[in-house]
Amino acid sequence: MVGFTICFDRLGGGLPLLEQVGLYYQDFPMVRKSIATAALTKVIGLEIYLSTAVVDLLQHSTNWLPNNINAGLLDNVYWTLNIVTLLNFGYFLVCASLNRNQSKHGIDESVTTEVSNR
């Protein structure tokens, strides 16, 4: 059962990341593509830092992660993380449905390139 929760967590975290990179390369002007990609790596670093904070919070507020891992309740930790991942994935689906691709909606890329070159 833990394998299912780990797989679900990785899918929920990976799909929005791929969509973000696709958004940056499709809709952003040429000047801002590299800045947006660099900002994405900072967000990944922040996610790692926040995941450590969540584990520390769970250790101090619950008995799910004691020093003896055999006495812990890892399934509760994974289910908690899966609930957060499911909320994140739902938010991603809402944002993806509201996103409009600029090239599909009649915005001329030559105009945006011309403006960015000034």
PDB file of N, CA and C in Angstrom:
ATOM      1  N   MET A   1       0.810  -1.197   0.000  1.00  0.00           N
ATOM      2  CA  MET A   1       0.000   0.000   0.000  1.00  0.00           C
ATOM      3  C   MET A   1       0.860   1.270   0.000  1.00  0.00           C
ATOM      4  N   VAL A   2       2.012   1.191   0.644  1.00  0.00           N
ATOM      5  CA  VAL A   2       2.890   2.353   0.669  1.00  0.00           C
ATOM      6  C   VAL A   2       3.427   2.645  -0.727  1.00  0.00           C
ATOM      7  N   GLY A   3       3.672   1.591  -1.524  1.00  0.00           N
ATOM      8  CA  GLY A   3       4.149   1.789  -2.891  1.00  0.00           C
ATOM      9  C   GLY A   3       3.157   2.578  -3.739  1.00  0.00           C
ATOM     10  N   PHE A   4       1.855   2.326  -3.537  1.00  0.00           N
ATOM     11  CA  PHE A   4       0.822   3.064  -4.254  1.00  0.00           C
ATOM     12  C   PHE A   4       0.870   4.538  -3.887  1.00  0.00           C
ATOM     13  N   THR A   5       1.040   4.831  -2.606  1.00  0.00           N
ATOM     14  CA  THR A   5       1.039   6.227  -2.174  1.00  0.00           C
ATOM     15  C   THR A   5       2.273   6.956  -2.683  1.00  0.00           C
ATOM     16  N   ILE A   6       3.423   6.282  -2.728  1.00  0.00           N
ATOM     17  CA  ILE A   6       4.634   6.913  -3.248  1.00  0.00           C
ATOM     18  C   ILE A   6       4.484   7.193  -4.744  1.00  0.00           C
ATOM     19  N   CYS A   7       3.938   6.237  -5.489  1.00  0.00           N
ATOM     20  CA  CYS A   7       3.719   6.414  -6.927  1.00  0.00           C
ATOM     21  C   CYS A   7       2.750   7.565  -7.191  1.00  0.00           C
ATOM     22  N   PHE A   8       1.672   7.620  -6.434  1.00  0.00           N
ATOM     23  CA  PHE A   8       0.693   8.690  -6.582  1.00  0.00           C
ATOM     24  C   PHE A   8       1.316  10.045  -6.277  1.00  0.00           C
ATOM     25  N   ASP A   9       2.165  10.094  -5.259  1.00  0.00           N
ATOM     26  CA  ASP A   9       2.825  11.340  -4.884  1.00  0.00           C
ATOM     27  C   ASP A   9       3.757  11.818  -5.986  1.00  0.00           C
ATOM     28  N   ARG A  10       4.520  10.918  -6.586  1.00  0.00           N
ATOM     29  CA  ARG A  10       5.448  11.307  -7.653  1.00  0.00           C
ATOM     30  C   ARG A  10       4.711  11.759  -8.906  1.00  0.00           C
ATOM     31  N   LEU A  11       3.613  11.091  -9.257  1.00  0.00           N
ATOM     32  CA  LEU A  11       2.833  11.510 -10.424  1.00  0.00           C
ATOM     33  C   LEU A  11       2.216  12.882 -10.198  1.00  0.00           C
ATOM     34  N   GLY A  12       1.691  13.107  -9.007  1.00  0.00           N
ATOM     35  CA  GLY A  12       1.078  14.398  -8.700  1.00  0.00           C
ATOM     36  C   GLY A  12       2.083  15.526  -8.672  1.00  0.00           C
ATOM     37  N   GLY A  13       3.330  15.226  -8.352  1.00  0.00           N
ATOM     38  CA  GLY A  13       4.354  16.256  -8.331  1.00  0.00           C
ATOM     39  C   GLY A  13       5.015  16.471  -9.680  1.00  0.00           C
ATOM     40  N   GLY A  14       5.077  15.442 -10.505  1.00  0.00           N
ATOM     41  CA  GLY A  14       5.788  15.528 -11.777  1.00  0.00           C
ATOM     42  C   GLY A  14       4.992  16.118 -12.917  1.00  0.00           C
ATOM     43  N   LEU A  15       3.721  15.825 -12.994  1.00  0.00           N
ATOM     44  CA  LEU A  15       2.910  16.317 -14.109  1.00  0.00           C
ATOM     45  C   LEU A  15       2.798  17.843 -14.132  1.00  0.00           C
ATOM     46  N   PRO A  16       2.522  18.505 -13.011  1.00  0.00           N
ATOM     47  CA  PRO A  16       2.490  19.973 -13.068  1.00  0.00           C
ATOM     48  C   PRO A  16       3.838  20.590 -13.436  1.00  0.00           C
ATOM     49  N   LEU A  17       4.933  19.934 -13.049  1.00  0.00           N
ATOM     50  CA  LEU A  17       6.260  20.439 -13.394  1.00  0.00           C
ATOM     51  C   LEU A  17       6.470  20.438 -14.903  1.00  0.00           C
ATOM     52  N   LEU A  18       6.082  19.362 -15.559  1.00  0.00           N
ATOM     53  CA  LEU A  18       6.199  19.299 -17.016  1.00  0.00           C
ATOM     54  C   LEU A  18       5.316  20.344 -17.692  1.00  0.00           C
ATOM     55  N   GLU A  19       4.137  20.542 -17.159  1.00  0.00           N
ATOM     56  CA  GLU A  19       3.221  21.535 -17.733  1.00  0.00           C
ATOM     57  C   GLU A  19       3.763  22.950 -17.549  1.00  0.00           C
ATOM     58  N   GLN A  20       4.412  23.200 -16.420  1.00  0.00           N
ATOM     59  CA  GLN A  20       5.002  24.522 -16.197  1.00  0.00           C
ATOM     60  C   GLN A  20       6.085  24.819 -17.217  1.00  0.00           C
ATOM     61  N   VAL A  21       6.974  23.866 -17.451  1.00  0.00           N
ATOM     62  CA  VAL A  21       8.047  24.076 -18.419  1.00  0.00           C
ATOM     63  C   VAL A  21       7.453  24.286 -19.813  1.00  0.00           C
ATOM     64  N   GLY A  22       6.437  23.513 -20.161  1.00  0.00           N
ATOM     65  CA  GLY A  22       5.769  23.705 -21.454  1.00  0.00           C
ATOM     66  C   GLY A  22       5.134  25.082 -21.568  1.00  0.00           C
ATOM     67  N   LEU A  23       4.538  25.557 -20.492  1.00  0.00           N
ATOM     68  CA  LEU A  23       3.947  26.894 -20.486  1.00  0.00           C
ATOM     69  C   LEU A  23       5.014  27.958 -20.707  1.00  0.00           C
ATOM     70  N   TYR A  24       6.145  27.816 -20.046  1.00  0.00           N
ATOM     71  CA  TYR A  24       7.215  28.805 -20.184  1.00  0.00           C
ATOM     72  C   TYR A  24       7.716  28.881 -21.619  1.00  0.00           C
ATOM     73  N   TYR A  25       7.873  27.739 -22.269  1.00  0.00           N
ATOM     74  CA  TYR A  25       8.426  27.747 -23.624  1.00  0.00           C
ATOM     75  C   TYR A  25       7.393  28.046 -24.695  1.00  0.00           C
ATOM     76  N   GLN A  26       6.100  27.913 -24.396  1.00  0.00           N
ATOM     77  CA  GLN A  26       5.075  28.233 -25.382  1.00  0.00           C
ATOM     78  C   GLN A  26       4.612  29.683 -25.297  1.00  0.00           C
ATOM     79  N   ASP A  27       4.378  30.159 -24.098  1.00  0.00           N
ATOM     80  CA  ASP A  27       3.681  31.434 -23.944  1.00  0.00           C
ATOM     81  C   ASP A  27       4.559  32.608 -23.537  1.00  0.00           C
ATOM     82  N   PHE A  28       5.749  32.364 -23.009  1.00  0.00           N
ATOM     83  CA  PHE A  28       6.579  33.470 -22.557  1.00  0.00           C
ATOM     84  C   PHE A  28       7.382  34.039 -23.715  1.00  0.00           C
ATOM     85  N   PRO A  29       7.661  35.336 -23.698  1.00  0.00           N
ATOM     86  CA  PRO A  29       8.539  35.918 -24.720  1.00  0.00           C
ATOM     87  C   PRO A  29       9.948  35.329 -24.615  1.00  0.00           C
ATOM     88  N   MET A  30      10.720  35.454 -25.678  1.00  0.00           N
ATOM     89  CA  MET A  30      12.059  34.862 -25.716  1.00  0.00           C
ATOM     90  C   MET A  30      12.935  35.346 -24.563  1.00  0.00           C
ATOM     91  N   VAL A  31      12.796  36.598 -24.173  1.00  0.00           N
ATOM     92  CA  VAL A  31      13.646  37.171 -23.137  1.00  0.00           C
ATOM     93  C   VAL A  31      13.381  36.535 -21.778  1.00  0.00           C
ATOM     94  N   ARG A  32      12.161  36.142 -21.525  1.00  0.00           N
ATOM     95  CA  ARG A  32      11.791  35.664 -20.197  1.00  0.00           C
ATOM     96  C   ARG A  32      11.828  34.146 -20.039  1.00  0.00           C
ATOM     97  N   LYS A  33      12.103  33.411 -21.089  1.00  0.00           N
ATOM     98  CA  LYS A  33      12.097  31.941 -20.990  1.00  0.00           C
ATOM     99  C   LYS A  33      13.173  31.431 -20.045  1.00  0.00           C
ATOM    100  N   SER A  34      14.386  31.941 -20.163  1.00  0.00           N
ATOM    101  CA  SER A  34      15.468  31.450 -19.310  1.00  0.00           C
ATOM    102  C   SER A  34      15.275  31.905 -17.865  1.00  0.00           C
ATOM    103  N   ILE A  35      14.742  33.106 -17.664  1.00  0.00           N
ATOM    104  CA  ILE A  35      14.475  33.580 -16.306  1.00  0.00           C
ATOM    105  C   ILE A  35      13.409  32.723 -15.646  1.00  0.00           C
ATOM    106  N   ALA A  36      12.384  32.372 -16.393  1.00  0.00           N
ATOM    107  CA  ALA A  36      11.313  31.534 -15.845  1.00  0.00           C
ATOM    108  C   ALA A  36      11.822  30.142 -15.509  1.00  0.00           C
ATOM    109  N   THR A  37      12.676  29.598 -16.342  1.00  0.00           N
ATOM    110  CA  THR A  37      13.227  28.274 -16.062  1.00  0.00           C
ATOM    111  C   THR A  37      14.134  28.316 -14.838  1.00  0.00           C
ATOM    112  N   ALA A  38      14.910  29.383 -14.680  1.00  0.00           N
ATOM    113  CA  ALA A  38      15.751  29.523 -13.488  1.00  0.00           C
ATOM    114  C   ALA A  38      14.888  29.673 -12.233  1.00  0.00           C
ATOM    115  N   ALA A  39      13.792  30.396 -12.347  1.00  0.00           N
ATOM    116  CA  ALA A  39      12.893  30.548 -11.204  1.00  0.00           C
ATOM    117  C   ALA A  39      12.268  29.206 -10.828  1.00  0.00           C
ATOM    118  N   LEU A  40      12.041  28.356 -11.809  1.00  0.00           N
ATOM    119  CA  LEU A  40      11.487  27.034 -11.538  1.00  0.00           C
ATOM    120  C   LEU A  40      12.435  26.204 -10.679  1.00  0.00           C
ATOM    121  N   THR A  41      13.732  26.286 -10.931  1.00  0.00           N
ATOM    122  CA  THR A  41      14.682  25.543 -10.109  1.00  0.00           C
ATOM    123  C   THR A  41      14.712  26.075  -8.683  1.00  0.00           C
ATOM    124  N   LYS A  42      14.500  27.374  -8.505  1.00  0.00           N
ATOM    125  CA  LYS A  42      14.403  27.923  -7.151  1.00  0.00           C
ATOM    126  C   LYS A  42      13.165  27.398  -6.435  1.00  0.00           C
ATOM    127  N   VAL A  43      12.079  27.247  -7.166  1.00  0.00           N
ATOM    128  CA  VAL A  43      10.851  26.709  -6.574  1.00  0.00           C
ATOM    129  C   VAL A  43      11.056  25.264  -6.146  1.00  0.00           C
ATOM    130  N   ILE A  44      11.777  24.494  -6.945  1.00  0.00           N
ATOM    131  CA  ILE A  44      12.062  23.102  -6.580  1.00  0.00           C
ATOM    132  C   ILE A  44      12.889  23.060  -5.292  1.00  0.00           C
ATOM    133  N   GLY A  45      13.874  23.931  -5.173  1.00  0.00           N
ATOM    134  CA  GLY A  45      14.663  24.013  -3.947  1.00  0.00           C
ATOM    135  C   GLY A  45      13.809  24.385  -2.751  1.00  0.00           C
ATOM    136  N   LEU A  46      12.881  25.304  -2.943  1.00  0.00           N
ATOM    137  CA  LEU A  46      11.968  25.697  -1.868  1.00  0.00           C
ATOM    138  C   LEU A  46      11.060  24.535  -1.477  1.00  0.00           C
ATOM    139  N   GLU A  47      10.631  23.740  -2.447  1.00  0.00           N
ATOM    140  CA  GLU A  47       9.799  22.573  -2.149  1.00  0.00           C
ATOM    141  C   GLU A  47      10.554  21.568  -1.285  1.00  0.00           C
ATOM    142  N   ILE A  48      11.829  21.368  -1.572  1.00  0.00           N
ATOM    143  CA  ILE A  48      12.632  20.440  -0.773  1.00  0.00           C
ATOM    144  C   ILE A  48      12.764  20.960   0.653  1.00  0.00           C
ATOM    145  N   TYR A  49      13.003  22.252   0.792  1.00  0.00           N
ATOM    146  CA  TYR A  49      13.114  22.854   2.121  1.00  0.00           C
ATOM    147  C   TYR A  49      11.795  22.727   2.884  1.00  0.00           C
ATOM    148  N   LEU A  50      10.678  22.997   2.218  1.00  0.00           N
ATOM    149  CA  LEU A  50       9.377  22.898   2.880  1.00  0.00           C
ATOM    150  C   LEU A  50       9.013  21.458   3.227  1.00  0.00           C
ATOM    151  N   SER A  51       9.443  20.489   2.404  1.00  0.00           N
ATOM    152  CA  SER A  51       9.163  19.096   2.745  1.00  0.00           C
ATOM    153  C   SER A  51       9.894  18.694   4.019  1.00  0.00           C
ATOM    154  N   THR A  52      11.105  19.207   4.216  1.00  0.00           N
ATOM    155  CA  THR A  52      11.824  18.956   5.466  1.00  0.00           C
ATOM    156  C   THR A  52      11.092  19.579   6.636  1.00  0.00           C
ATOM    157  N   ALA A  53      10.544  20.772   6.434  1.00  0.00           N
ATOM    158  CA  ALA A  53       9.778  21.423   7.504  1.00  0.00           C
ATOM    159  C   ALA A  53       8.515  20.636   7.848  1.00  0.00           C
ATOM    160  N   VAL A  54       7.869  20.048   6.833  1.00  0.00           N
ATOM    161  CA  VAL A  54       6.659  19.242   7.083  1.00  0.00           C
ATOM    162  C   VAL A  54       7.008  17.994   7.888  1.00  0.00           C
ATOM    163  N   VAL A  55       8.117  17.342   7.546  1.00  0.00           N
ATOM    164  CA  VAL A  55       8.529  16.157   8.292  1.00  0.00           C
ATOM    165  C   VAL A  55       8.849  16.533   9.738  1.00  0.00           C
ATOM    166  N   ASP A  56       9.545  17.649   9.938  1.00  0.00           N
ATOM    167  CA  ASP A  56       9.827  18.104  11.307  1.00  0.00           C
ATOM    168  C   ASP A  56       8.546  18.418  12.068  1.00  0.00           C
ATOM    169  N   LEU A  57       7.592  19.037  11.405  1.00  0.00           N
ATOM    170  CA  LEU A  57       6.312  19.346  12.039  1.00  0.00           C
ATOM    171  C   LEU A  57       5.568  18.074  12.436  1.00  0.00           C
ATOM    172  N   LEU A  58       5.569  17.083  11.549  1.00  0.00           N
ATOM    173  CA  LEU A  58       4.917  15.813  11.875  1.00  0.00           C
ATOM    174  C   LEU A  58       5.631  15.086  13.015  1.00  0.00           C
ATOM    175  N   GLN A  59       6.953  15.185  13.065  1.00  0.00           N
ATOM    176  CA  GLN A  59       7.692  14.541  14.144  1.00  0.00           C
ATOM    177  C   GLN A  59       7.356  15.162  15.495  1.00  0.00           C
ATOM    178  N   HIS A  60       7.232  16.474  15.525  1.00  0.00           N
ATOM    179  CA  HIS A  60       7.009  17.151  16.804  1.00  0.00           C
ATOM    180  C   HIS A  60       5.544  17.180  17.225  1.00  0.00           C
ATOM    181  N   SER A  61       4.620  17.117  16.288  1.00  0.00           N
ATOM    182  CA  SER A  61       3.203  17.246  16.649  1.00  0.00           C
ATOM    183  C   SER A  61       2.475  15.905  16.749  1.00  0.00           C
ATOM    184  N   THR A  62       3.024  14.838  16.164  1.00  0.00           N
ATOM    185  CA  THR A  62       2.385  13.528  16.226  1.00  0.00           C
ATOM    186  C   THR A  62       3.411  12.489  16.669  1.00  0.00           C
ATOM    187  N   ASN A  63       2.965  11.289  16.896  1.00  0.00           N
ATOM    188  CA  ASN A  63       3.858  10.168  17.204  1.00  0.00           C
ATOM    189  C   ASN A  63       4.042   9.266  15.995  1.00  0.00           C
ATOM    190  N   TRP A  64       3.829   9.793  14.811  1.00  0.00           N
ATOM    191  CA  TRP A  64       3.913   8.999  13.601  1.00  0.00           C
ATOM    192  C   TRP A  64       5.347   8.703  13.191  1.00  0.00           C
ATOM    193  N   LEU A  65       6.297   9.575  13.540  1.00  0.00           N
ATOM    194  CA  LEU A  65       7.698   9.409  13.135  1.00  0.00           C
ATOM    195  C   LEU A  65       8.630   9.441  14.350  1.00  0.00           C
ATOM    196  N   PRO A  66       8.617   8.399  15.158  1.00  0.00           N
ATOM    197  CA  PRO A  66       9.536   8.375  16.301  1.00  0.00           C
ATOM    198  C   PRO A  66      10.959   8.026  15.855  1.00  0.00           C
ATOM    199  N   ASN A  67      11.896   8.052  16.790  1.00  0.00           N
ATOM    200  CA  ASN A  67      13.283   7.693  16.459  1.00  0.00           C
ATOM    201  C   ASN A  67      13.396   6.244  16.004  1.00  0.00           C
ATOM    202  N   ASN A  68      12.624   5.346  16.600  1.00  0.00           N
ATOM    203  CA  ASN A  68      12.574   3.950  16.160  1.00  0.00           C
ATOM    204  C   ASN A  68      11.520   3.862  15.052  1.00  0.00           C
ATOM    205  N   ILE A  69      11.961   3.804  13.817  1.00  0.00           N
ATOM    206  CA  ILE A  69      11.050   3.847  12.678  1.00  0.00           C
ATOM    207  C   ILE A  69      10.115   2.639  12.650  1.00  0.00           C
ATOM    208  N   ASN A  70      10.526   1.504  13.260  1.00  0.00           N
ATOM    209  CA  ASN A  70       9.676   0.318  13.291  1.00  0.00           C
ATOM    210  C   ASN A  70       8.436   0.536  14.146  1.00  0.00           C
ATOM    211  N   ALA A  71       8.508   1.466  15.092  1.00  0.00           N
ATOM    212  CA  ALA A  71       7.354   1.747  15.946  1.00  0.00           C
ATOM    213  C   ALA A  71       6.506   2.890  15.385  1.00  0.00           C
ATOM    214  N   GLY A  72       6.899   3.445  14.244  1.00  0.00           N
ATOM    215  CA  GLY A  72       6.194   4.586  13.678  1.00  0.00           C
ATOM    216  C   GLY A  72       4.984   4.187  12.853  1.00  0.00           C
ATOM    217  N   LEU A  73       4.244   5.185  12.464  1.00  0.00           N
ATOM    218  CA  LEU A  73       3.051   4.999  11.636  1.00  0.00           C
ATOM    219  C   LEU A  73       3.267   5.700  10.293  1.00  0.00           C
ATOM    220  N   LEU A  74       4.128   5.100   9.471  1.00  0.00           N
ATOM    221  CA  LEU A  74       4.461   5.707   8.181  1.00  0.00           C
ATOM    222  C   LEU A  74       3.270   5.791   7.253  1.00  0.00           C
ATOM    223  N   ASP A  75       2.333   4.863   7.365  1.00  0.00           N
ATOM    224  CA  ASP A  75       1.174   4.914   6.483  1.00  0.00           C
ATOM    225  C   ASP A  75       0.369   6.194   6.711  1.00  0.00           C
ATOM    226  N   ASN A  76       0.292   6.672   7.943  1.00  0.00           N
ATOM    227  CA  ASN A  76      -0.405   7.938   8.210  1.00  0.00           C
ATOM    228  C   ASN A  76       0.326   9.116   7.569  1.00  0.00           C
ATOM    229  N   VAL A  77       1.650   9.078   7.605  1.00  0.00           N
ATOM    230  CA  VAL A  77       2.440  10.152   6.985  1.00  0.00           C
ATOM    231  C   VAL A  77       2.204  10.163   5.478  1.00  0.00           C
ATOM    232  N   TYR A  78       2.259   9.001   4.852  1.00  0.00           N
ATOM    233  CA  TYR A  78       2.065   8.934   3.407  1.00  0.00           C
ATOM    234  C   TYR A  78       0.651   9.326   2.999  1.00  0.00           C
ATOM    235  N   TRP A  79      -0.340   8.941   3.777  1.00  0.00           N
ATOM    236  CA  TRP A  79      -1.714   9.343   3.443  1.00  0.00           C
ATOM    237  C   TRP A  79      -1.898  10.845   3.614  1.00  0.00           C
ATOM    238  N   THR A  80      -1.260  11.420   4.607  1.00  0.00           N
ATOM    239  CA  THR A  80      -1.325  12.880   4.767  1.00  0.00           C
ATOM    240  C   THR A  80      -0.689  13.576   3.566  1.00  0.00           C
ATOM    241  N   LEU A  81       0.477  13.084   3.148  1.00  0.00           N
ATOM    242  CA  LEU A  81       1.133  13.670   1.981  1.00  0.00           C
ATOM    243  C   LEU A  81       0.318  13.469   0.708  1.00  0.00           C
ATOM    244  N   ASN A  82      -0.360  12.350   0.603  1.00  0.00           N
ATOM    245  CA  ASN A  82      -1.205  12.115  -0.572  1.00  0.00           C
ATOM    246  C   ASN A  82      -2.406  13.043  -0.611  1.00  0.00           C
ATOM    247  N   ILE A  83      -2.965  13.361   0.529  1.00  0.00           N
ATOM    248  CA  ILE A  83      -4.079  14.319   0.563  1.00  0.00           C
ATOM    249  C   ILE A  83      -3.609  15.685   0.097  1.00  0.00           C
ATOM    250  N   VAL A  84      -2.425  16.097   0.564  1.00  0.00           N
ATOM    251  CA  VAL A  84      -1.870  17.381   0.122  1.00  0.00           C
ATOM    252  C   VAL A  84      -1.568  17.343  -1.367  1.00  0.00           C
ATOM    253  N   THR A  85      -1.040  16.221  -1.855  1.00  0.00           N
ATOM    254  CA  THR A  85      -0.753  16.073  -3.289  1.00  0.00           C
ATOM    255  C   THR A  85      -2.031  16.104  -4.119  1.00  0.00           C
ATOM    256  N   LEU A  86      -3.072  15.482  -3.625  1.00  0.00           N
ATOM    257  CA  LEU A  86      -4.354  15.488  -4.334  1.00  0.00           C
ATOM    258  C   LEU A  86      -4.920  16.906  -4.419  1.00  0.00           C
ATOM    259  N   LEU A  87      -4.798  17.672  -3.342  1.00  0.00           N
ATOM    260  CA  LEU A  87      -5.234  19.073  -3.383  1.00  0.00           C
ATOM    261  C   LEU A  87      -4.399  19.875  -4.383  1.00  0.00           C
ATOM    262  N   ASN A  88      -3.089  19.626  -4.400  1.00  0.00           N
ATOM    263  CA  ASN A  88      -2.206  20.302  -5.349  1.00  0.00           C
ATOM    264  C   ASN A  88      -2.566  19.942  -6.784  1.00  0.00           C
ATOM    265  N   PHE A  89      -2.859  18.680  -7.030  1.00  0.00           N
ATOM    266  CA  PHE A  89      -3.222  18.243  -8.380  1.00  0.00           C
ATOM    267  C   PHE A  89      -4.557  18.840  -8.804  1.00  0.00           C
ATOM    268  N   GLY A  90      -5.503  18.933  -7.876  1.00  0.00           N
ATOM    269  CA  GLY A  90      -6.780  19.586  -8.179  1.00  0.00           C
ATOM    270  C   GLY A  90      -6.589  21.051  -8.547  1.00  0.00           C
ATOM    271  N   TYR A  91      -5.716  21.731  -7.802  1.00  0.00           N
ATOM    272  CA  TYR A  91      -5.394  23.127  -8.109  1.00  0.00           C
ATOM    273  C   TYR A  91      -4.745  23.235  -9.486  1.00  0.00           C
ATOM    274  N   PHE A  92      -3.873  22.293  -9.823  1.00  0.00           N
ATOM    275  CA  PHE A  92      -3.246  22.270 -11.138  1.00  0.00           C
ATOM    276  C   PHE A  92      -4.282  22.108 -12.243  1.00  0.00           C
ATOM    277  N   LEU A  93      -5.250  21.212 -12.038  1.00  0.00           N
ATOM    278  CA  LEU A  93      -6.278  20.998 -13.054  1.00  0.00           C
ATOM    279  C   LEU A  93      -7.127  22.249 -13.264  1.00  0.00           C
ATOM    280  N   VAL A  94      -7.438  22.949 -12.180  1.00  0.00           N
ATOM    281  CA  VAL A  94      -8.204  24.189 -12.301  1.00  0.00           C
ATOM    282  C   VAL A  94      -7.397  25.227 -13.084  1.00  0.00           C
ATOM    283  N   CYS A  95      -6.119  25.389 -12.729  1.00  0.00           N
ATOM    284  CA  CYS A  95      -5.273  26.365 -13.433  1.00  0.00           C
ATOM    285  C   CYS A  95      -5.071  25.983 -14.895  1.00  0.00           C
ATOM    286  N   ALA A  96      -4.907  24.684 -15.173  1.00  0.00           N
ATOM    287  CA  ALA A  96      -4.715  24.234 -16.555  1.00  0.00           C
ATOM    288  C   ALA A  96      -5.964  24.467 -17.390  1.00  0.00           C
ATOM    289  N   SER A  97      -7.136  24.325 -16.782  1.00  0.00           N
ATOM    290  CA  SER A  97      -8.361  24.555 -17.544  1.00  0.00           C
ATOM    291  C   SER A  97      -8.592  26.043 -17.806  1.00  0.00           C
ATOM    292  N   LEU A  98      -8.073  26.905 -16.952  1.00  0.00           N
ATOM    293  CA  LEU A  98      -8.236  28.345 -17.145  1.00  0.00           C
ATOM    294  C   LEU A  98      -7.163  28.950 -18.044  1.00  0.00           C
ATOM    295  N   ASN A  99      -6.063  28.220 -18.278  1.00  0.00           N
ATOM    296  CA  ASN A  99      -4.963  28.731 -19.079  1.00  0.00           C
ATOM    297  C   ASN A  99      -5.350  28.753 -20.550  1.00  0.00           C
ATOM    298  N   ARG A 100      -4.969  29.818 -21.209  1.00  0.00           N
ATOM    299  CA  ARG A 100      -5.193  29.937 -22.655  1.00  0.00           C
ATOM    300  C   ARG A 100      -3.849  30.065 -23.327  1.00  0.00           C
ATOM    301  N   ASN A 101      -3.620  29.238 -24.307  1.00  0.00           N
ATOM    302  CA  ASN A 101      -2.379  29.292 -25.070  1.00  0.00           C
ATOM    303  C   ASN A 101      -2.443  30.510 -25.992  1.00  0.00           C
ATOM    304  N   GLN A 102      -1.462  31.390 -25.899  1.00  0.00           N
ATOM    305  CA  GLN A 102      -1.501  32.633 -26.667  1.00  0.00           C
ATOM    306  C   GLN A 102      -1.439  32.393 -28.168  1.00  0.00           C
ATOM    307  N   SER A 103      -0.673  31.411 -28.598  1.00  0.00           N
ATOM    308  CA  SER A 103      -0.551  31.180 -30.038  1.00  0.00           C
ATOM    309  C   SER A 103      -1.841  30.609 -30.626  1.00  0.00           C
ATOM    310  N   LYS A 104      -2.684  29.985 -29.824  1.00  0.00           N
ATOM    311  CA  LYS A 104      -3.941  29.440 -30.318  1.00  0.00           C
ATOM    312  C   LYS A 104      -5.064  30.476 -30.317  1.00  0.00           C
ATOM    313  N   HIS A 105      -4.867  31.594 -29.667  1.00  0.00           N
ATOM    314  CA  HIS A 105      -5.931  32.583 -29.534  1.00  0.00           C
ATOM    315  C   HIS A 105      -5.654  33.857 -30.329  1.00  0.00           C
ATOM    316  N   GLY A 106      -4.905  33.731 -31.400  1.00  0.00           N
ATOM    317  CA  GLY A 106      -4.766  34.839 -32.330  1.00  0.00           C
ATOM    318  C   GLY A 106      -3.767  35.904 -31.937  1.00  0.00           C
ATOM    319  N   ILE A 107      -2.900  35.653 -30.988  1.00  0.00           N
ATOM    320  CA  ILE A 107      -1.885  36.637 -30.641  1.00  0.00           C
ATOM    321  C   ILE A 107      -0.688  36.400 -31.549  1.00  0.00           C
ATOM    322  N   ASP A 108      -0.329  37.425 -32.281  1.00  0.00           N
ATOM    323  CA  ASP A 108       0.741  37.313 -33.257  1.00  0.00           C
ATOM    324  C   ASP A 108       2.089  37.315 -32.538  1.00  0.00           C
ATOM    325  N   GLU A 109       2.881  36.242 -32.714  1.00  0.00           N
ATOM    326  CA  GLU A 109       4.168  36.143 -32.033  1.00  0.00           C
ATOM    327  C   GLU A 109       5.174  37.148 -32.574  1.00  0.00           C
ATOM    328  N   SER A 110       5.037  37.581 -33.820  1.00  0.00           N
ATOM    329  CA  SER A 110       5.986  38.551 -34.358  1.00  0.00           C
ATOM    330  C   SER A 110       5.860  39.882 -33.629  1.00  0.00           C
ATOM    331  N   VAL A 111       4.651  40.225 -33.195  1.00  0.00           N
ATOM    332  CA  VAL A 111       4.457  41.472 -32.451  1.00  0.00           C
ATOM    333  C   VAL A 111       5.114  41.362 -31.090  1.00  0.00           C
ATOM    334  N   THR A 112       4.938  40.242 -30.389  1.00  0.00           N
ATOM    335  CA  THR A 112       5.545  40.093 -29.077  1.00  0.00           C
ATOM    336  C   THR A 112       7.057  40.005 -29.172  1.00  0.00           C
ATOM    337  N   THR A 113       7.591  39.402 -30.231  1.00  0.00           N
ATOM    338  CA  THR A 113       9.030  39.345 -30.421  1.00  0.00           C
ATOM    339  C   THR A 113       9.584  40.723 -30.753  1.00  0.00           C
ATOM    340  N   GLU A 114       8.833  41.468 -31.569  1.00  0.00           N
ATOM    341  CA  GLU A 114       9.258  42.807 -31.947  1.00  0.00           C
ATOM    342  C   GLU A 114       9.302  43.731 -30.736  1.00  0.00           C
ATOM    343  N   VAL A 115       8.318  43.628 -29.859  1.00  0.00           N
ATOM    344  CA  VAL A 115       8.275  44.469 -28.674  1.00  0.00           C
ATOM    345  C   VAL A 115       9.400  44.090 -27.707  1.00  0.00           C
ATOM    346  N   SER A 116       9.674  42.794 -27.583  1.00  0.00           N
ATOM    347  CA  SER A 116      10.712  42.357 -26.651  1.00  0.00           C
ATOM    348  C   SER A 116      12.114  42.699 -27.125  1.00  0.00           C
ATOM    349  N   ASN A 117      12.312  42.916 -28.421  1.00  0.00           N
ATOM    350  CA  ASN A 117      13.624  43.267 -28.949  1.00  0.00           C
ATOM    351  C   ASN A 117      13.974  44.735 -28.741  1.00  0.00           C
ATOM    352  N   ARG A 118      13.029  45.538 -28.345  1.00  0.00           N
ATOM    353  CA  ARG A 118      13.301  46.984 -28.171  1.00  0.00           C
ATOM    354  C   ARG A 118      14.050  47.269 -26.932  1.00  0.00           C
TER     355      ARG A 118
END
